């Protein structure tokens, strides 16, 4: 299964060229290793209107199946990625965010400071990942095993039923 993926880095400094975005390329590498396709990739500022407009466009017009955001999930005053995500999703997927934090807590206690959200808009799954390249890559590695099945379910693929068959 090839999954059409978008990677959205949300960082004031990176959007202004004051810091190189390392998280987006780290996620892009992992996605490529899965044989999936990165169809959209952008770096934007921590501005709620810009974040929501980009997410809506990628979901509704660009038909991106999986959107990974990186950055803006912490406690800093301008960290608003979860709030923007919650404004655009139609279905919350709290189990994803909970599982990612739980796995990350095995590595660092700072995981409990991550406020990332996850949810569905139309036929797209949006997942917020931390801004640190290391943490973003770790979170994505935890997430990889469930993404294909999640996308099959969202798209109402007949293949999704195979995962629910009684053995």
C-alpha atoms as a PDB file:
ATOM      1  CA  UNK A   1       0.000   0.000   0.000  1.00  0.00           C
ATOM      2  CA  UNK A   2       1.398   3.386  -1.008  1.00  0.00           C
ATOM      3  CA  UNK A   3       0.212   6.104   1.357  1.00  0.00           C
ATOM      4  CA  UNK A   4       0.053   9.715   0.146  1.00  0.00           C
ATOM      5  CA  UNK A   5       1.739  11.599   2.980  1.00  0.00           C
ATOM      6  CA  UNK A   6       2.151  15.243   3.891  1.00  0.00           C
ATOM      7  CA  UNK A   7       4.751  16.553   6.333  1.00  0.00           C
ATOM      8  CA  UNK A   8       4.051  19.944   7.887  1.00  0.00           C
ATOM      9  CA  UNK A   9       6.767  21.502  10.035  1.00  0.00           C
ATOM     10  CA  UNK A  10       5.386  24.180  12.334  1.00  0.00           C
ATOM     11  CA  UNK A  11       8.153  26.434  13.602  1.00  0.00           C
ATOM     12  CA  UNK A  12       8.497  30.199  13.782  1.00  0.00           C
ATOM     13  CA  UNK A  13      12.289  30.022  13.533  1.00  0.00           C
ATOM     14  CA  UNK A  14      12.430  27.519  10.679  1.00  0.00           C
ATOM     15  CA  UNK A  15       9.724  29.349   8.711  1.00  0.00           C
ATOM     16  CA  UNK A  16      11.827  32.529   8.905  1.00  0.00           C
ATOM     17  CA  UNK A  17      15.056  30.764   7.916  1.00  0.00           C
ATOM     18  CA  UNK A  18      16.619  31.243  11.365  1.00  0.00           C
ATOM     19  CA  UNK A  19      16.922  27.496  11.917  1.00  0.00           C
ATOM     20  CA  UNK A  20      17.164  24.616   9.482  1.00  0.00           C
ATOM     21  CA  UNK A  21      14.224  22.239   9.595  1.00  0.00           C
ATOM     22  CA  UNK A  22      15.644  18.860  10.546  1.00  0.00           C
ATOM     23  CA  UNK A  23      12.414  17.175  11.675  1.00  0.00           C
ATOM     24  CA  UNK A  24      10.631  17.294   8.318  1.00  0.00           C
ATOM     25  CA  UNK A  25      13.519  15.660   6.424  1.00  0.00           C
ATOM     26  CA  UNK A  26      13.907  13.035   9.191  1.00  0.00           C
ATOM     27  CA  UNK A  27      10.235  12.093   8.798  1.00  0.00           C
ATOM     28  CA  UNK A  28      10.531  12.171   5.000  1.00  0.00           C
ATOM     29  CA  UNK A  29      13.359   9.620   5.159  1.00  0.00           C
ATOM     30  CA  UNK A  30      11.284   7.222   7.275  1.00  0.00           C
ATOM     31  CA  UNK A  31       8.259   7.603   4.996  1.00  0.00           C
ATOM     32  CA  UNK A  32      10.414   6.852   1.934  1.00  0.00           C
ATOM     33  CA  UNK A  33      11.783   3.731   3.651  1.00  0.00           C
ATOM     34  CA  UNK A  34       8.164   2.496   3.942  1.00  0.00           C
ATOM     35  CA  UNK A  35       7.668   2.906   0.200  1.00  0.00           C
ATOM     36  CA  UNK A  36       5.079   5.606   0.819  1.00  0.00           C
ATOM     37  CA  UNK A  37       4.940   8.868  -1.085  1.00  0.00           C
ATOM     38  CA  UNK A  38       5.526  12.352   0.356  1.00  0.00           C
ATOM     39  CA  UNK A  39       3.207  14.482  -1.781  1.00  0.00           C
ATOM     40  CA  UNK A  40       3.225  17.667   0.310  1.00  0.00           C
ATOM     41  CA  UNK A  41       5.938  19.143   2.506  1.00  0.00           C
ATOM     42  CA  UNK A  42       6.038  22.632   3.971  1.00  0.00           C
ATOM     43  CA  UNK A  43       7.401  24.735   6.824  1.00  0.00           C
ATOM     44  CA  UNK A  44       5.077  27.331   8.337  1.00  0.00           C
ATOM     45  CA  UNK A  45       4.951  29.606  11.385  1.00  0.00           C
ATOM     46  CA  UNK A  46       3.100  28.922  14.623  1.00  0.00           C
ATOM     47  CA  UNK A  47       0.018  30.805  13.421  1.00  0.00           C
ATOM     48  CA  UNK A  48      -3.326  29.127  14.007  1.00  0.00           C
ATOM     49  CA  UNK A  49      -4.954  30.438  10.811  1.00  0.00           C
ATOM     50  CA  UNK A  50      -2.029  29.291   8.665  1.00  0.00           C
ATOM     51  CA  UNK A  51      -1.958  25.868  10.303  1.00  0.00           C
ATOM     52  CA  UNK A  52      -5.708  25.282   9.978  1.00  0.00           C
ATOM     53  CA  UNK A  53      -5.790  26.537   6.368  1.00  0.00           C
ATOM     54  CA  UNK A  54      -2.926  24.229   5.394  1.00  0.00           C
ATOM     55  CA  UNK A  55      -4.466  21.195   7.098  1.00  0.00           C
ATOM     56  CA  UNK A  56      -7.867  21.833   5.513  1.00  0.00           C
ATOM     57  CA  UNK A  57      -6.323  22.297   2.063  1.00  0.00           C
ATOM     58  CA  UNK A  58      -4.214  19.145   2.298  1.00  0.00           C
ATOM     59  CA  UNK A  59      -7.203  17.091   3.511  1.00  0.00           C
ATOM     60  CA  UNK A  60      -9.991  18.482   1.357  1.00  0.00           C
ATOM     61  CA  UNK A  61      -8.279  19.526  -1.876  1.00  0.00           C
ATOM     62  CA  UNK A  62      -4.940  17.691  -2.054  1.00  0.00           C
ATOM     63  CA  UNK A  63      -6.416  14.394  -0.781  1.00  0.00           C
ATOM     64  CA  UNK A  64      -3.424  13.626   1.436  1.00  0.00           C
ATOM     65  CA  UNK A  65      -4.098  10.371   3.306  1.00  0.00           C
ATOM     66  CA  UNK A  66      -1.655  10.893   6.194  1.00  0.00           C
ATOM     67  CA  UNK A  67      -0.566  14.284   7.508  1.00  0.00           C
ATOM     68  CA  UNK A  68       2.264  14.365  10.005  1.00  0.00           C
ATOM     69  CA  UNK A  69       2.843  17.667  11.737  1.00  0.00           C
ATOM     70  CA  UNK A  70       6.062  18.286  13.610  1.00  0.00           C
ATOM     71  CA  UNK A  71       6.483  21.067  16.129  1.00  0.00           C
ATOM     72  CA  UNK A  72       4.251  23.240  18.257  1.00  0.00           C
ATOM     73  CA  UNK A  73       3.116  20.496  20.647  1.00  0.00           C
ATOM     74  CA  UNK A  74       4.862  21.619  23.832  1.00  0.00           C
ATOM     75  CA  UNK A  75       4.215  24.092  26.609  1.00  0.00           C
ATOM     76  CA  UNK A  76       5.682  27.248  25.041  1.00  0.00           C
ATOM     77  CA  UNK A  77       3.184  30.090  24.612  1.00  0.00           C
ATOM     78  CA  UNK A  78       3.248  29.842  20.786  1.00  0.00           C
ATOM     79  CA  UNK A  79       2.855  26.032  20.720  1.00  0.00           C
ATOM     80  CA  UNK A  80      -0.635  25.773  19.207  1.00  0.00           C
ATOM     81  CA  UNK A  81      -0.492  22.818  16.831  1.00  0.00           C
ATOM     82  CA  UNK A  82      -2.888  20.613  18.865  1.00  0.00           C
ATOM     83  CA  UNK A  83      -5.416  23.444  19.122  1.00  0.00           C
ATOM     84  CA  UNK A  84      -5.260  24.016  15.344  1.00  0.00           C
ATOM     85  CA  UNK A  85      -5.602  20.286  14.693  1.00  0.00           C
ATOM     86  CA  UNK A  86      -8.612  19.981  16.981  1.00  0.00           C
ATOM     87  CA  UNK A  87     -10.293  22.826  15.068  1.00  0.00           C
ATOM     88  CA  UNK A  88     -10.083  20.976  11.736  1.00  0.00           C
ATOM     89  CA  UNK A  89     -10.617  17.308  12.588  1.00  0.00           C
ATOM     90  CA  UNK A  90     -14.063  15.750  12.418  1.00  0.00           C
ATOM     91  CA  UNK A  91     -13.200  12.712  14.549  1.00  0.00           C
ATOM     92  CA  UNK A  92     -10.757  12.667  17.425  1.00  0.00           C
ATOM     93  CA  UNK A  93      -8.310   9.729  17.639  1.00  0.00           C
ATOM     94  CA  UNK A  94      -7.125   9.993  21.251  1.00  0.00           C
ATOM     95  CA  UNK A  95      -5.760   6.448  21.341  1.00  0.00           C
ATOM     96  CA  UNK A  96      -3.022   7.396  18.884  1.00  0.00           C
ATOM     97  CA  UNK A  97      -1.808  10.387  20.913  1.00  0.00           C
ATOM     98  CA  UNK A  98      -2.057   8.404  24.165  1.00  0.00           C
ATOM     99  CA  UNK A  99      -0.095   5.458  22.761  1.00  0.00           C
ATOM    100  CA  UNK A 100       2.630   7.695  21.337  1.00  0.00           C
ATOM    101  CA  UNK A 101       3.111   9.450  24.676  1.00  0.00           C
ATOM    102  CA  UNK A 102       3.071   6.125  26.547  1.00  0.00           C
ATOM    103  CA  UNK A 103       5.781   4.657  24.303  1.00  0.00           C
ATOM    104  CA  UNK A 104       7.853   7.826  24.509  1.00  0.00           C
ATOM    105  CA  UNK A 105       7.600   7.822  28.318  1.00  0.00           C
ATOM    106  CA  UNK A 106       9.681   4.636  28.223  1.00  0.00           C
ATOM    107  CA  UNK A 107      12.488   6.783  26.780  1.00  0.00           C
ATOM    108  CA  UNK A 108      12.101  10.135  28.567  1.00  0.00           C
ATOM    109  CA  UNK A 109       9.907  11.687  31.256  1.00  0.00           C
ATOM    110  CA  UNK A 110       9.636  14.756  29.007  1.00  0.00           C
ATOM    111  CA  UNK A 111       7.109  12.806  26.928  1.00  0.00           C
ATOM    112  CA  UNK A 112       4.433  13.817  29.412  1.00  0.00           C
ATOM    113  CA  UNK A 113       4.956  17.401  28.254  1.00  0.00           C
ATOM    114  CA  UNK A 114       3.854  16.554  24.716  1.00  0.00           C
ATOM    115  CA  UNK A 115       0.333  17.771  23.952  1.00  0.00           C
ATOM    116  CA  UNK A 116       0.049  16.313  20.454  1.00  0.00           C
ATOM    117  CA  UNK A 117      -3.362  15.344  19.112  1.00  0.00           C
ATOM    118  CA  UNK A 118      -4.552  13.043  16.341  1.00  0.00           C
ATOM    119  CA  UNK A 119      -7.734  12.812  14.352  1.00  0.00           C
ATOM    120  CA  UNK A 120      -9.542  12.324  11.083  1.00  0.00           C
ATOM    121  CA  UNK A 121     -10.828  14.870   8.604  1.00  0.00           C
ATOM    122  CA  UNK A 122     -12.624  13.368   5.640  1.00  0.00           C
ATOM    123  CA  UNK A 123     -10.319  10.637   4.314  1.00  0.00           C
ATOM    124  CA  UNK A 124      -7.185  12.020   6.024  1.00  0.00           C
ATOM    125  CA  UNK A 125      -5.458  11.041   9.253  1.00  0.00           C
ATOM    126  CA  UNK A 126      -3.639  13.914  10.988  1.00  0.00           C
ATOM    127  CA  UNK A 127      -1.070  13.152  13.697  1.00  0.00           C
ATOM    128  CA  UNK A 128       0.908  15.755  15.663  1.00  0.00           C
ATOM    129  CA  UNK A 129       4.525  14.824  16.399  1.00  0.00           C
ATOM    130  CA  UNK A 130       7.072  16.720  18.515  1.00  0.00           C
ATOM    131  CA  UNK A 131       9.424  19.249  16.927  1.00  0.00           C
ATOM    132  CA  UNK A 132      12.651  17.560  17.967  1.00  0.00           C
ATOM    133  CA  UNK A 133      13.997  15.464  15.065  1.00  0.00           C
ATOM    134  CA  UNK A 134      14.846  12.602  17.441  1.00  0.00           C
ATOM    135  CA  UNK A 135      11.442  12.631  19.151  1.00  0.00           C
ATOM    136  CA  UNK A 136       9.520  13.062  15.881  1.00  0.00           C
ATOM    137  CA  UNK A 137      11.315  10.053  14.371  1.00  0.00           C
ATOM    138  CA  UNK A 138      10.721   7.959  17.511  1.00  0.00           C
ATOM    139  CA  UNK A 139       7.016   8.816  17.548  1.00  0.00           C
ATOM    140  CA  UNK A 140       6.703   7.931  13.863  1.00  0.00           C
ATOM    141  CA  UNK A 141       8.431   4.580  14.415  1.00  0.00           C
ATOM    142  CA  UNK A 142       5.861   3.790  17.139  1.00  0.00           C
ATOM    143  CA  UNK A 143       3.053   4.776  14.767  1.00  0.00           C
ATOM    144  CA  UNK A 144       4.169   2.924  11.615  1.00  0.00           C
ATOM    145  CA  UNK A 145       2.593  -0.478  12.399  1.00  0.00           C
ATOM    146  CA  UNK A 146      -0.959   0.924  12.592  1.00  0.00           C
ATOM    147  CA  UNK A 147      -0.947   3.476   9.773  1.00  0.00           C
ATOM    148  CA  UNK A 148      -1.843   1.146   6.863  1.00  0.00           C
ATOM    149  CA  UNK A 149      -4.799  -0.352   8.732  1.00  0.00           C
ATOM    150  CA  UNK A 150      -5.943   3.093   9.898  1.00  0.00           C
ATOM    151  CA  UNK A 151      -5.912   4.363   6.308  1.00  0.00           C
ATOM    152  CA  UNK A 152      -7.793   1.264   5.097  1.00  0.00           C
ATOM    153  CA  UNK A 153     -10.475   1.870   7.724  1.00  0.00           C
ATOM    154  CA  UNK A 154     -10.780   5.574   6.902  1.00  0.00           C
ATOM    155  CA  UNK A 155     -11.110   4.778   3.196  1.00  0.00           C
ATOM    156  CA  UNK A 156     -13.569   1.924   3.856  1.00  0.00           C
ATOM    157  CA  UNK A 157     -11.312  -0.471   2.001  1.00  0.00           C
ATOM    158  CA  UNK A 158     -12.497  -4.094   1.869  1.00  0.00           C
ATOM    159  CA  UNK A 159      -8.972  -5.064   2.967  1.00  0.00           C
ATOM    160  CA  UNK A 160      -9.672  -3.426   6.342  1.00  0.00           C
ATOM    161  CA  UNK A 161     -12.098  -6.207   7.230  1.00  0.00           C
ATOM    162  CA  UNK A 162      -9.275  -8.778   7.092  1.00  0.00           C
ATOM    163  CA  UNK A 163      -7.859  -7.211  10.224  1.00  0.00           C
ATOM    164  CA  UNK A 164     -11.135  -7.855  12.034  1.00  0.00           C
ATOM    165  CA  UNK A 165     -11.811 -11.426  10.947  1.00  0.00           C
ATOM    166  CA  UNK A 166     -12.352 -14.059  13.615  1.00  0.00           C
ATOM    167  CA  UNK A 167      -9.452 -16.501  13.587  1.00  0.00           C
END
